């Protein structure tokens, strides 16, 4: 469905510009930028969004339009985008529009993470939590803010702290009200849960806690099945079990997993990762550092590319 949303939004943007339907134009551009990060796309949207920014100046929609404009600018010129995000954030705080401030802070965190500025990203994560509180958001949103810190801490090498925090936040999450608190209406519960479990898997792998990684990933997969995730999404997440299975001496299960996941990818016209194509033939053909029982010597990255998918 993602490509349908992208196609519809991309087609609608020029029409909405001609009709001066600024709010709908900004919403369409936001959907495009979520799914298409090409410079050509950003360059096409930028003048449309600049017109929306000018048209909404001084209105309740000014910060929203400015934020989406800055996201397009980030693809083309991150330094200029940072300045623009900072200006918008200052305006939001001055006006005490803390909901907008929380969103703009998230954008800045993403920008800093993309450039490896981990200390600045972590400081902003703490600021984001304060804006969330002042905006009156509920407990699930506040828990999501705590989870925002974890990928940053992971990239700083604080694996045990990340894993301990995941376990603590899981307990808090299980105690949250169901249905969701009305003040958490902008939060999708399964997103919070699955993001938290995924970073837990990554941290457990980095520490060599193979069984804990399998347990956390099993919980992640159960959540995906409950919400009706596609087979391809489930297969990609399931392949996080490959490394831990191999290191626990369960090579047969690792091989079966790769064969199954490759079949799912091919059935859905997705290209399976290169390691799945080769390793499915011989999952025990690894280097010594890949078959040990201690912590992994291969540090997963934000793109999730190592011996097997590890998604952050």
C-alpha atoms as a PDB file:
ATOM      1  CA  UNK A   1       0.000   0.000   0.000  1.00  0.00           C
ATOM      2  CA  UNK A   2       2.924   2.354   0.576  1.00  0.00           C
ATOM      3  CA  UNK A   3       3.581   2.814  -3.146  1.00  0.00           C
ATOM      4  CA  UNK A   4      -0.089   3.653  -3.724  1.00  0.00           C
ATOM      5  CA  UNK A   5       0.025   6.383  -1.092  1.00  0.00           C
ATOM      6  CA  UNK A   6       3.243   7.700  -2.603  1.00  0.00           C
ATOM      7  CA  UNK A   7       1.823   7.738  -6.128  1.00  0.00           C
ATOM      8  CA  UNK A   8      -1.400   9.448  -5.070  1.00  0.00           C
ATOM      9  CA  UNK A   9       0.360  12.082  -2.983  1.00  0.00           C
ATOM     10  CA  UNK A  10       2.941  12.820  -5.668  1.00  0.00           C
ATOM     11  CA  UNK A  11       0.222  13.241  -8.288  1.00  0.00           C
ATOM     12  CA  UNK A  12      -1.928  15.440  -6.050  1.00  0.00           C
ATOM     13  CA  UNK A  13       0.728  17.969  -5.062  1.00  0.00           C
ATOM     14  CA  UNK A  14       0.796  20.080  -8.284  1.00  0.00           C
ATOM     15  CA  UNK A  15      -3.015  20.190  -8.399  1.00  0.00           C
ATOM     16  CA  UNK A  16      -3.240  21.283  -4.765  1.00  0.00           C
ATOM     17  CA  UNK A  17      -0.663  24.001  -5.462  1.00  0.00           C
ATOM     18  CA  UNK A  18      -2.723  25.371  -8.351  1.00  0.00           C
ATOM     19  CA  UNK A  19      -5.829  25.346  -6.151  1.00  0.00           C
ATOM     20  CA  UNK A  20      -4.002  27.060  -3.265  1.00  0.00           C
ATOM     21  CA  UNK A  21      -5.076  24.244  -0.955  1.00  0.00           C
ATOM     22  CA  UNK A  22      -2.073  24.701   1.253  1.00  0.00           C
ATOM     23  CA  UNK A  23      -2.884  22.392   4.143  1.00  0.00           C
ATOM     24  CA  UNK A  24      -3.657  19.495   1.850  1.00  0.00           C
ATOM     25  CA  UNK A  25      -0.524  20.258  -0.176  1.00  0.00           C
ATOM     26  CA  UNK A  26       1.621  20.110   2.956  1.00  0.00           C
ATOM     27  CA  UNK A  27      -0.015  16.823   4.000  1.00  0.00           C
ATOM     28  CA  UNK A  28       0.576  15.311   0.548  1.00  0.00           C
ATOM     29  CA  UNK A  29       4.206  16.438   0.557  1.00  0.00           C
ATOM     30  CA  UNK A  30       4.691  14.903   3.986  1.00  0.00           C
ATOM     31  CA  UNK A  31       3.505  11.526   2.694  1.00  0.00           C
ATOM     32  CA  UNK A  32       5.833  11.757  -0.300  1.00  0.00           C
ATOM     33  CA  UNK A  33       8.856  12.632   1.847  1.00  0.00           C
ATOM     34  CA  UNK A  34       8.168   9.718   4.188  1.00  0.00           C
ATOM     35  CA  UNK A  35       8.548   7.303   1.287  1.00  0.00           C
ATOM     36  CA  UNK A  36      10.801   9.008  -1.260  1.00  0.00           C
ATOM     37  CA  UNK A  37      14.130  10.500  -0.162  1.00  0.00           C
ATOM     38  CA  UNK A  38      15.553  11.206  -3.592  1.00  0.00           C
ATOM     39  CA  UNK A  39      17.079  14.620  -4.183  1.00  0.00           C
ATOM     40  CA  UNK A  40      15.040  15.077  -7.372  1.00  0.00           C
ATOM     41  CA  UNK A  41      11.814  14.585  -5.430  1.00  0.00           C
ATOM     42  CA  UNK A  42      12.864  17.045  -2.726  1.00  0.00           C
ATOM     43  CA  UNK A  43      13.883  19.595  -5.357  1.00  0.00           C
ATOM     44  CA  UNK A  44      10.474  19.288  -7.011  1.00  0.00           C
ATOM     45  CA  UNK A  45       8.567  19.717  -3.756  1.00  0.00           C
ATOM     46  CA  UNK A  46      10.685  22.508  -2.294  1.00  0.00           C
ATOM     47  CA  UNK A  47       9.219  25.465  -4.287  1.00  0.00           C
ATOM     48  CA  UNK A  48       5.682  24.171  -3.702  1.00  0.00           C
ATOM     49  CA  UNK A  49       6.334  23.973   0.015  1.00  0.00           C
ATOM     50  CA  UNK A  50       7.979  27.401  -0.004  1.00  0.00           C
ATOM     51  CA  UNK A  51       4.749  28.798  -1.443  1.00  0.00           C
ATOM     52  CA  UNK A  52       2.777  27.019   1.296  1.00  0.00           C
ATOM     53  CA  UNK A  53       5.074  28.458   3.967  1.00  0.00           C
ATOM     54  CA  UNK A  54       4.541  31.963   2.648  1.00  0.00           C
ATOM     55  CA  UNK A  55       0.776  31.509   2.355  1.00  0.00           C
ATOM     56  CA  UNK A  56       0.399  30.153   5.898  1.00  0.00           C
ATOM     57  CA  UNK A  57       2.691  32.667   7.580  1.00  0.00           C
ATOM     58  CA  UNK A  58       1.023  34.028  10.720  1.00  0.00           C
ATOM     59  CA  UNK A  59      -1.624  31.277  10.770  1.00  0.00           C
ATOM     60  CA  UNK A  60      -2.048  28.172  12.926  1.00  0.00           C
ATOM     61  CA  UNK A  61      -0.516  26.130  10.100  1.00  0.00           C
ATOM     62  CA  UNK A  62       2.728  28.083   9.810  1.00  0.00           C
ATOM     63  CA  UNK A  63       4.836  25.696  11.910  1.00  0.00           C
ATOM     64  CA  UNK A  64       3.496  22.586  10.209  1.00  0.00           C
ATOM     65  CA  UNK A  65       4.186  23.958   6.727  1.00  0.00           C
ATOM     66  CA  UNK A  66       7.608  25.183   7.815  1.00  0.00           C
ATOM     67  CA  UNK A  67       8.521  21.822   9.297  1.00  0.00           C
ATOM     68  CA  UNK A  68       7.667  19.862   6.143  1.00  0.00           C
ATOM     69  CA  UNK A  69       9.516  22.441   4.046  1.00  0.00           C
ATOM     70  CA  UNK A  70      12.568  21.920   6.275  1.00  0.00           C
ATOM     71  CA  UNK A  71      12.331  18.133   5.817  1.00  0.00           C
ATOM     72  CA  UNK A  72      12.540  18.567   2.044  1.00  0.00           C
ATOM     73  CA  UNK A  73      15.409  21.013   2.496  1.00  0.00           C
ATOM     74  CA  UNK A  74      17.263  18.498   4.685  1.00  0.00           C
ATOM     75  CA  UNK A  75      17.575  16.106   1.747  1.00  0.00           C
ATOM     76  CA  UNK A  76      19.258  18.805  -0.309  1.00  0.00           C
ATOM     77  CA  UNK A  77      21.120  20.834   2.301  1.00  0.00           C
ATOM     78  CA  UNK A  78      21.200  19.482   5.882  1.00  0.00           C
ATOM     79  CA  UNK A  79      23.042  22.525   7.247  1.00  0.00           C
ATOM     80  CA  UNK A  80      20.398  24.939   6.029  1.00  0.00           C
ATOM     81  CA  UNK A  81      17.680  22.589   7.233  1.00  0.00           C
ATOM     82  CA  UNK A  82      19.172  22.554  10.712  1.00  0.00           C
ATOM     83  CA  UNK A  83      19.054  26.364  10.852  1.00  0.00           C
ATOM     84  CA  UNK A  84      15.449  26.325   9.678  1.00  0.00           C
ATOM     85  CA  UNK A  85      14.406  23.651  12.194  1.00  0.00           C
ATOM     86  CA  UNK A  86      16.036  25.653  14.979  1.00  0.00           C
ATOM     87  CA  UNK A  87      14.203  28.825  13.948  1.00  0.00           C
ATOM     88  CA  UNK A  88      10.870  26.999  13.861  1.00  0.00           C
ATOM     89  CA  UNK A  89      11.559  25.364  17.230  1.00  0.00           C
ATOM     90  CA  UNK A  90      12.325  28.740  18.819  1.00  0.00           C
ATOM     91  CA  UNK A  91       9.058  30.093  17.430  1.00  0.00           C
ATOM     92  CA  UNK A  92       7.084  27.114  18.725  1.00  0.00           C
ATOM     93  CA  UNK A  93       8.534  27.410  22.226  1.00  0.00           C
ATOM     94  CA  UNK A  94       7.990  31.189  22.313  1.00  0.00           C
ATOM     95  CA  UNK A  95       4.332  30.651  21.375  1.00  0.00           C
ATOM     96  CA  UNK A  96       4.100  27.767  23.878  1.00  0.00           C
ATOM     97  CA  UNK A  97       3.001  25.428  21.109  1.00  0.00           C
ATOM     98  CA  UNK A  98       4.705  22.459  22.714  1.00  0.00           C
ATOM     99  CA  UNK A  99       3.105  19.834  20.490  1.00  0.00           C
ATOM    100  CA  UNK A 100       4.750  21.466  17.490  1.00  0.00           C
ATOM    101  CA  UNK A 101       7.973  21.861  19.480  1.00  0.00           C
ATOM    102  CA  UNK A 102       8.008  18.109  20.196  1.00  0.00           C
ATOM    103  CA  UNK A 103       7.663  17.283  16.472  1.00  0.00           C
ATOM    104  CA  UNK A 104      10.356  19.756  15.430  1.00  0.00           C
ATOM    105  CA  UNK A 105      12.687  18.380  18.088  1.00  0.00           C
ATOM    106  CA  UNK A 106      12.142  14.891  16.655  1.00  0.00           C
ATOM    107  CA  UNK A 107      13.139  16.228  13.241  1.00  0.00           C
ATOM    108  CA  UNK A 108      16.338  17.689  14.676  1.00  0.00           C
ATOM    109  CA  UNK A 109      17.131  14.429  16.469  1.00  0.00           C
ATOM    110  CA  UNK A 110      16.785  12.571  13.162  1.00  0.00           C
ATOM    111  CA  UNK A 111      19.072  15.091  11.479  1.00  0.00           C
ATOM    112  CA  UNK A 112      21.737  14.735  14.187  1.00  0.00           C
ATOM    113  CA  UNK A 113      21.519  10.945  14.128  1.00  0.00           C
ATOM    114  CA  UNK A 114      21.973  10.931  10.354  1.00  0.00           C
ATOM    115  CA  UNK A 115      25.212  12.899  10.730  1.00  0.00           C
ATOM    116  CA  UNK A 116      26.517  10.942  13.737  1.00  0.00           C
ATOM    117  CA  UNK A 117      26.104  13.790  16.217  1.00  0.00           C
ATOM    118  CA  UNK A 118      25.100  11.457  19.024  1.00  0.00           C
ATOM    119  CA  UNK A 119      25.709  13.744  22.023  1.00  0.00           C
ATOM    120  CA  UNK A 120      23.571  16.507  20.533  1.00  0.00           C
ATOM    121  CA  UNK A 121      20.867  14.012  19.590  1.00  0.00           C
ATOM    122  CA  UNK A 122      20.793  12.615  23.132  1.00  0.00           C
ATOM    123  CA  UNK A 123      20.527  16.071  24.691  1.00  0.00           C
ATOM    124  CA  UNK A 124      17.611  16.857  22.398  1.00  0.00           C
ATOM    125  CA  UNK A 125      15.913  13.575  23.302  1.00  0.00           C
ATOM    126  CA  UNK A 126      15.743  14.786  26.902  1.00  0.00           C
ATOM    127  CA  UNK A 127      14.370  18.146  25.727  1.00  0.00           C
ATOM    128  CA  UNK A 128      11.778  16.362  23.601  1.00  0.00           C
ATOM    129  CA  UNK A 129      10.476  14.550  26.680  1.00  0.00           C
ATOM    130  CA  UNK A 130       9.929  17.890  28.412  1.00  0.00           C
ATOM    131  CA  UNK A 131       7.977  19.263  25.457  1.00  0.00           C
ATOM    132  CA  UNK A 132       5.844  16.106  25.420  1.00  0.00           C
ATOM    133  CA  UNK A 133       5.002  16.596  29.087  1.00  0.00           C
ATOM    134  CA  UNK A 134       4.185  20.283  28.629  1.00  0.00           C
ATOM    135  CA  UNK A 135       2.005  19.499  25.607  1.00  0.00           C
ATOM    136  CA  UNK A 136      -0.138  17.298  27.856  1.00  0.00           C
ATOM    137  CA  UNK A 137       0.466  14.038  26.046  1.00  0.00           C
ATOM    138  CA  UNK A 138      -0.264  10.746  27.801  1.00  0.00           C
ATOM    139  CA  UNK A 139       1.900   7.992  29.277  1.00  0.00           C
ATOM    140  CA  UNK A 140       2.411   6.040  26.051  1.00  0.00           C
ATOM    141  CA  UNK A 141       3.806   9.106  24.287  1.00  0.00           C
ATOM    142  CA  UNK A 142       6.080   9.762  27.260  1.00  0.00           C
ATOM    143  CA  UNK A 143       7.280   6.161  27.147  1.00  0.00           C
ATOM    144  CA  UNK A 144       7.962   6.567  23.435  1.00  0.00           C
ATOM    145  CA  UNK A 145      10.194   9.526  24.301  1.00  0.00           C
ATOM    146  CA  UNK A 146      12.239   7.299  26.597  1.00  0.00           C
ATOM    147  CA  UNK A 147      12.577   4.786  23.772  1.00  0.00           C
ATOM    148  CA  UNK A 148      13.847   7.570  21.491  1.00  0.00           C
ATOM    149  CA  UNK A 149      17.053   7.699  23.535  1.00  0.00           C
ATOM    150  CA  UNK A 150      17.887   4.035  23.075  1.00  0.00           C
ATOM    151  CA  UNK A 151      19.182   3.945  19.459  1.00  0.00           C
ATOM    152  CA  UNK A 152      21.413   6.894  20.327  1.00  0.00           C
ATOM    153  CA  UNK A 153      22.781   5.174  23.424  1.00  0.00           C
ATOM    154  CA  UNK A 154      23.289   2.038  21.368  1.00  0.00           C
ATOM    155  CA  UNK A 155      25.379   3.885  18.787  1.00  0.00           C
ATOM    156  CA  UNK A 156      27.463   5.273  21.652  1.00  0.00           C
ATOM    157  CA  UNK A 157      28.216   1.696  22.693  1.00  0.00           C
ATOM    158  CA  UNK A 158      26.056   1.556  25.841  1.00  0.00           C
ATOM    159  CA  UNK A 159      24.605  -1.866  24.989  1.00  0.00           C
ATOM    160  CA  UNK A 160      23.906  -3.067  28.522  1.00  0.00           C
ATOM    161  CA  UNK A 161      22.192   0.197  29.454  1.00  0.00           C
ATOM    162  CA  UNK A 162      20.012  -0.111  26.367  1.00  0.00           C
ATOM    163  CA  UNK A 163      19.043  -3.709  27.133  1.00  0.00           C
ATOM    164  CA  UNK A 164      18.295  -2.951  30.796  1.00  0.00           C
ATOM    165  CA  UNK A 165      16.133   0.009  29.781  1.00  0.00           C
ATOM    166  CA  UNK A 166      14.239  -2.097  27.247  1.00  0.00           C
ATOM    167  CA  UNK A 167      13.313  -4.590  29.956  1.00  0.00           C
ATOM    168  CA  UNK A 168      12.222  -1.769  32.273  1.00  0.00           C
ATOM    169  CA  UNK A 169      10.123  -0.050  29.617  1.00  0.00           C
ATOM    170  CA  UNK A 170       8.495  -3.357  28.609  1.00  0.00           C
ATOM    171  CA  UNK A 171       7.131  -3.673  32.127  1.00  0.00           C
ATOM    172  CA  UNK A 172       5.849  -0.089  32.032  1.00  0.00           C
ATOM    173  CA  UNK A 173       4.292  -0.652  28.615  1.00  0.00           C
ATOM    174  CA  UNK A 174       2.432  -3.740  29.797  1.00  0.00           C
ATOM    175  CA  UNK A 175       0.916  -1.676  32.610  1.00  0.00           C
ATOM    176  CA  UNK A 176      -0.442   1.049  30.307  1.00  0.00           C
ATOM    177  CA  UNK A 177      -4.213   1.334  29.844  1.00  0.00           C
ATOM    178  CA  UNK A 178      -5.957  -0.433  27.005  1.00  0.00           C
ATOM    179  CA  UNK A 179      -7.589   1.202  25.096  1.00  0.00           C
ATOM    180  CA  UNK A 180      -4.985   3.911  24.733  1.00  0.00           C
ATOM    181  CA  UNK A 181      -5.262   7.079  26.795  1.00  0.00           C
ATOM    182  CA  UNK A 182      -7.029   9.845  24.775  1.00  0.00           C
ATOM    183  CA  UNK A 183      -3.960  12.052  25.289  1.00  0.00           C
ATOM    184  CA  UNK A 184      -1.935   9.495  23.326  1.00  0.00           C
ATOM    185  CA  UNK A 185      -4.052   9.752  20.182  1.00  0.00           C
ATOM    186  CA  UNK A 186      -1.037  10.522  17.970  1.00  0.00           C
ATOM    187  CA  UNK A 187       0.754   7.330  19.026  1.00  0.00           C
ATOM    188  CA  UNK A 188       0.279   3.933  17.382  1.00  0.00           C
ATOM    189  CA  UNK A 189       0.760   1.423  20.229  1.00  0.00           C
ATOM    190  CA  UNK A 190       2.307  -1.345  18.131  1.00  0.00           C
ATOM    191  CA  UNK A 191       4.906   1.099  16.788  1.00  0.00           C
ATOM    192  CA  UNK A 192       6.093   1.854  20.296  1.00  0.00           C
ATOM    193  CA  UNK A 193       6.202  -1.822  21.264  1.00  0.00           C
ATOM    194  CA  UNK A 194       7.941  -3.041  18.130  1.00  0.00           C
ATOM    195  CA  UNK A 195      10.506  -0.238  18.108  1.00  0.00           C
ATOM    196  CA  UNK A 196      11.368  -1.024  21.711  1.00  0.00           C
ATOM    197  CA  UNK A 197      11.640  -4.772  21.111  1.00  0.00           C
ATOM    198  CA  UNK A 198      13.756  -4.282  18.004  1.00  0.00           C
ATOM    199  CA  UNK A 199      16.379  -2.168  19.745  1.00  0.00           C
ATOM    200  CA  UNK A 200      16.366  -4.800  22.492  1.00  0.00           C
ATOM    201  CA  UNK A 201      17.208  -7.487  19.927  1.00  0.00           C
ATOM    202  CA  UNK A 202      20.028  -5.372  18.527  1.00  0.00           C
ATOM    203  CA  UNK A 203      21.500  -4.678  21.973  1.00  0.00           C
ATOM    204  CA  UNK A 204      21.249  -8.334  23.014  1.00  0.00           C
ATOM    205  CA  UNK A 205      23.125  -9.383  19.877  1.00  0.00           C
ATOM    206  CA  UNK A 206      25.848  -6.810  20.521  1.00  0.00           C
ATOM    207  CA  UNK A 207      26.288  -8.288  24.009  1.00  0.00           C
ATOM    208  CA  UNK A 208      26.249 -11.874  22.793  1.00  0.00           C
ATOM    209  CA  UNK A 209      23.047 -12.622  24.701  1.00  0.00           C
ATOM    210  CA  UNK A 210      21.787 -14.924  21.984  1.00  0.00           C
ATOM    211  CA  UNK A 211      18.809 -16.507  23.769  1.00  0.00           C
ATOM    212  CA  UNK A 212      17.591 -13.141  25.002  1.00  0.00           C
ATOM    213  CA  UNK A 213      17.781 -11.843  21.429  1.00  0.00           C
ATOM    214  CA  UNK A 214      15.643 -14.791  20.271  1.00  0.00           C
ATOM    215  CA  UNK A 215      13.096 -14.217  23.051  1.00  0.00           C
ATOM    216  CA  UNK A 216      12.751 -10.517  22.282  1.00  0.00           C
ATOM    217  CA  UNK A 217      12.449 -11.170  18.557  1.00  0.00           C
ATOM    218  CA  UNK A 218       9.767 -13.803  19.193  1.00  0.00           C
ATOM    219  CA  UNK A 219       7.766 -11.166  21.046  1.00  0.00           C
ATOM    220  CA  UNK A 220       8.339  -8.720  18.202  1.00  0.00           C
ATOM    221  CA  UNK A 221       7.096 -11.230  15.636  1.00  0.00           C
ATOM    222  CA  UNK A 222       4.025 -12.009  17.737  1.00  0.00           C
ATOM    223  CA  UNK A 223       3.178  -8.300  17.770  1.00  0.00           C
ATOM    224  CA  UNK A 224       3.600  -8.098  14.001  1.00  0.00           C
ATOM    225  CA  UNK A 225       1.287 -11.068  13.473  1.00  0.00           C
ATOM    226  CA  UNK A 226      -1.384  -9.562  15.744  1.00  0.00           C
ATOM    227  CA  UNK A 227      -1.460  -6.336  13.739  1.00  0.00           C
ATOM    228  CA  UNK A 228      -1.468  -8.143  10.393  1.00  0.00           C
ATOM    229  CA  UNK A 229       1.992  -7.246   9.117  1.00  0.00           C
ATOM    230  CA  UNK A 230       2.749  -8.537   5.634  1.00  0.00           C
ATOM    231  CA  UNK A 231       4.587 -11.801   5.145  1.00  0.00           C
ATOM    232  CA  UNK A 232       7.580  -9.913   3.776  1.00  0.00           C
ATOM    233  CA  UNK A 233       7.732  -7.650   6.838  1.00  0.00           C
ATOM    234  CA  UNK A 234       7.541 -10.654   9.140  1.00  0.00           C
ATOM    235  CA  UNK A 235      10.183 -12.530   7.159  1.00  0.00           C
ATOM    236  CA  UNK A 236      12.604  -9.634   7.306  1.00  0.00           C
ATOM    237  CA  UNK A 237      12.169  -9.330  11.064  1.00  0.00           C
ATOM    238  CA  UNK A 238      12.377 -13.104  11.523  1.00  0.00           C
ATOM    239  CA  UNK A 239      15.802 -13.215   9.908  1.00  0.00           C
ATOM    240  CA  UNK A 240      17.126 -11.404  12.970  1.00  0.00           C
ATOM    241  CA  UNK A 241      17.066 -14.895  14.499  1.00  0.00           C
ATOM    242  CA  UNK A 242      19.663 -16.201  12.048  1.00  0.00           C
ATOM    243  CA  UNK A 243      22.800 -15.059  13.860  1.00  0.00           C
ATOM    244  CA  UNK A 244      21.696 -16.052  17.364  1.00  0.00           C
ATOM    245  CA  UNK A 245      20.545 -19.483  16.127  1.00  0.00           C
ATOM    246  CA  UNK A 246      23.876 -20.054  14.432  1.00  0.00           C
ATOM    247  CA  UNK A 247      25.844 -19.015  17.494  1.00  0.00           C
ATOM    248  CA  UNK A 248      23.760 -21.299  19.701  1.00  0.00           C
ATOM    249  CA  UNK A 249      24.694 -24.234  17.499  1.00  0.00           C
ATOM    250  CA  UNK A 250      21.242 -24.519  15.917  1.00  0.00           C
ATOM    251  CA  UNK A 251      22.507 -24.466  12.330  1.00  0.00           C
ATOM    252  CA  UNK A 252      19.619 -26.526  10.963  1.00  0.00           C
ATOM    253  CA  UNK A 253      17.049 -24.043  12.256  1.00  0.00           C
ATOM    254  CA  UNK A 254      19.137 -21.166  10.891  1.00  0.00           C
ATOM    255  CA  UNK A 255      19.203 -22.784   7.453  1.00  0.00           C
ATOM    256  CA  UNK A 256      15.451 -23.468   7.488  1.00  0.00           C
ATOM    257  CA  UNK A 257      14.826 -19.843   8.458  1.00  0.00           C
ATOM    258  CA  UNK A 258      16.879 -18.521   5.555  1.00  0.00           C
ATOM    259  CA  UNK A 259      15.253 -20.842   3.023  1.00  0.00           C
ATOM    260  CA  UNK A 260      11.785 -19.855   4.244  1.00  0.00           C
ATOM    261  CA  UNK A 261      12.515 -16.130   4.314  1.00  0.00           C
ATOM    262  CA  UNK A 262      14.096 -16.204   0.863  1.00  0.00           C
ATOM    263  CA  UNK A 263      10.972 -17.903  -0.473  1.00  0.00           C
ATOM    264  CA  UNK A 264       8.790 -15.191   1.064  1.00  0.00           C
ATOM    265  CA  UNK A 265      10.926 -12.422  -0.424  1.00  0.00           C
ATOM    266  CA  UNK A 266      10.852 -13.976  -3.868  1.00  0.00           C
ATOM    267  CA  UNK A 267       7.102 -14.619  -3.699  1.00  0.00           C
ATOM    268  CA  UNK A 268       6.580 -10.942  -2.916  1.00  0.00           C
ATOM    269  CA  UNK A 269       8.973  -9.776  -5.651  1.00  0.00           C
ATOM    270  CA  UNK A 270      11.394  -8.515  -3.019  1.00  0.00           C
ATOM    271  CA  UNK A 271      15.105  -9.137  -3.366  1.00  0.00           C
ATOM    272  CA  UNK A 272      16.344 -11.143  -0.417  1.00  0.00           C
ATOM    273  CA  UNK A 273      19.466  -9.786   1.307  1.00  0.00           C
ATOM    274  CA  UNK A 274      22.770 -10.968  -0.203  1.00  0.00           C
ATOM    275  CA  UNK A 275      23.646 -12.958   2.908  1.00  0.00           C
ATOM    276  CA  UNK A 276      20.355 -14.877   2.679  1.00  0.00           C
ATOM    277  CA  UNK A 277      21.071 -15.952  -0.889  1.00  0.00           C
ATOM    278  CA  UNK A 278      24.550 -17.226  -0.066  1.00  0.00           C
ATOM    279  CA  UNK A 279      24.142 -18.389   3.524  1.00  0.00           C
ATOM    280  CA  UNK A 280      21.079 -20.495   2.810  1.00  0.00           C
ATOM    281  CA  UNK A 281      23.383 -22.896   0.997  1.00  0.00           C
ATOM    282  CA  UNK A 282      25.806 -23.277   3.888  1.00  0.00           C
ATOM    283  CA  UNK A 283      24.902 -21.477   7.123  1.00  0.00           C
ATOM    284  CA  UNK A 284      27.851 -23.074   8.947  1.00  0.00           C
ATOM    285  CA  UNK A 285      30.392 -21.667   6.509  1.00  0.00           C
ATOM    286  CA  UNK A 286      31.373 -18.713   8.654  1.00  0.00           C
ATOM    287  CA  UNK A 287      34.560 -17.079   9.805  1.00  0.00           C
ATOM    288  CA  UNK A 288      35.718 -17.884  13.364  1.00  0.00           C
ATOM    289  CA  UNK A 289      34.482 -14.518  14.654  1.00  0.00           C
ATOM    290  CA  UNK A 290      31.002 -15.297  13.327  1.00  0.00           C
ATOM    291  CA  UNK A 291      30.624 -18.641  15.071  1.00  0.00           C
ATOM    292  CA  UNK A 292      31.819 -17.822  18.555  1.00  0.00           C
ATOM    293  CA  UNK A 293      29.634 -17.762  21.631  1.00  0.00           C
ATOM    294  CA  UNK A 294      30.766 -14.387  22.948  1.00  0.00           C
ATOM    295  CA  UNK A 295      29.652 -10.861  22.050  1.00  0.00           C
ATOM    296  CA  UNK A 296      29.509 -10.045  18.374  1.00  0.00           C
ATOM    297  CA  UNK A 297      32.600  -8.405  16.925  1.00  0.00           C
ATOM    298  CA  UNK A 298      30.480  -6.892  14.162  1.00  0.00           C
ATOM    299  CA  UNK A 299      28.722  -3.739  15.305  1.00  0.00           C
ATOM    300  CA  UNK A 300      25.274  -3.365  13.706  1.00  0.00           C
ATOM    301  CA  UNK A 301      24.605  -0.026  12.082  1.00  0.00           C
ATOM    302  CA  UNK A 302      21.499   2.105  11.785  1.00  0.00           C
ATOM    303  CA  UNK A 303      20.881   0.718   8.332  1.00  0.00           C
ATOM    304  CA  UNK A 304      20.709  -2.753   9.861  1.00  0.00           C
ATOM    305  CA  UNK A 305      23.351  -4.312   7.633  1.00  0.00           C
ATOM    306  CA  UNK A 306      25.684  -6.876   9.196  1.00  0.00           C
ATOM    307  CA  UNK A 307      25.735 -10.650   8.981  1.00  0.00           C
ATOM    308  CA  UNK A 308      21.934 -10.576   9.196  1.00  0.00           C
ATOM    309  CA  UNK A 309      19.311  -7.802   9.339  1.00  0.00           C
ATOM    310  CA  UNK A 310      19.398  -5.890  12.560  1.00  0.00           C
ATOM    311  CA  UNK A 311      17.012  -2.992  12.339  1.00  0.00           C
ATOM    312  CA  UNK A 312      17.231   0.231  14.296  1.00  0.00           C
END
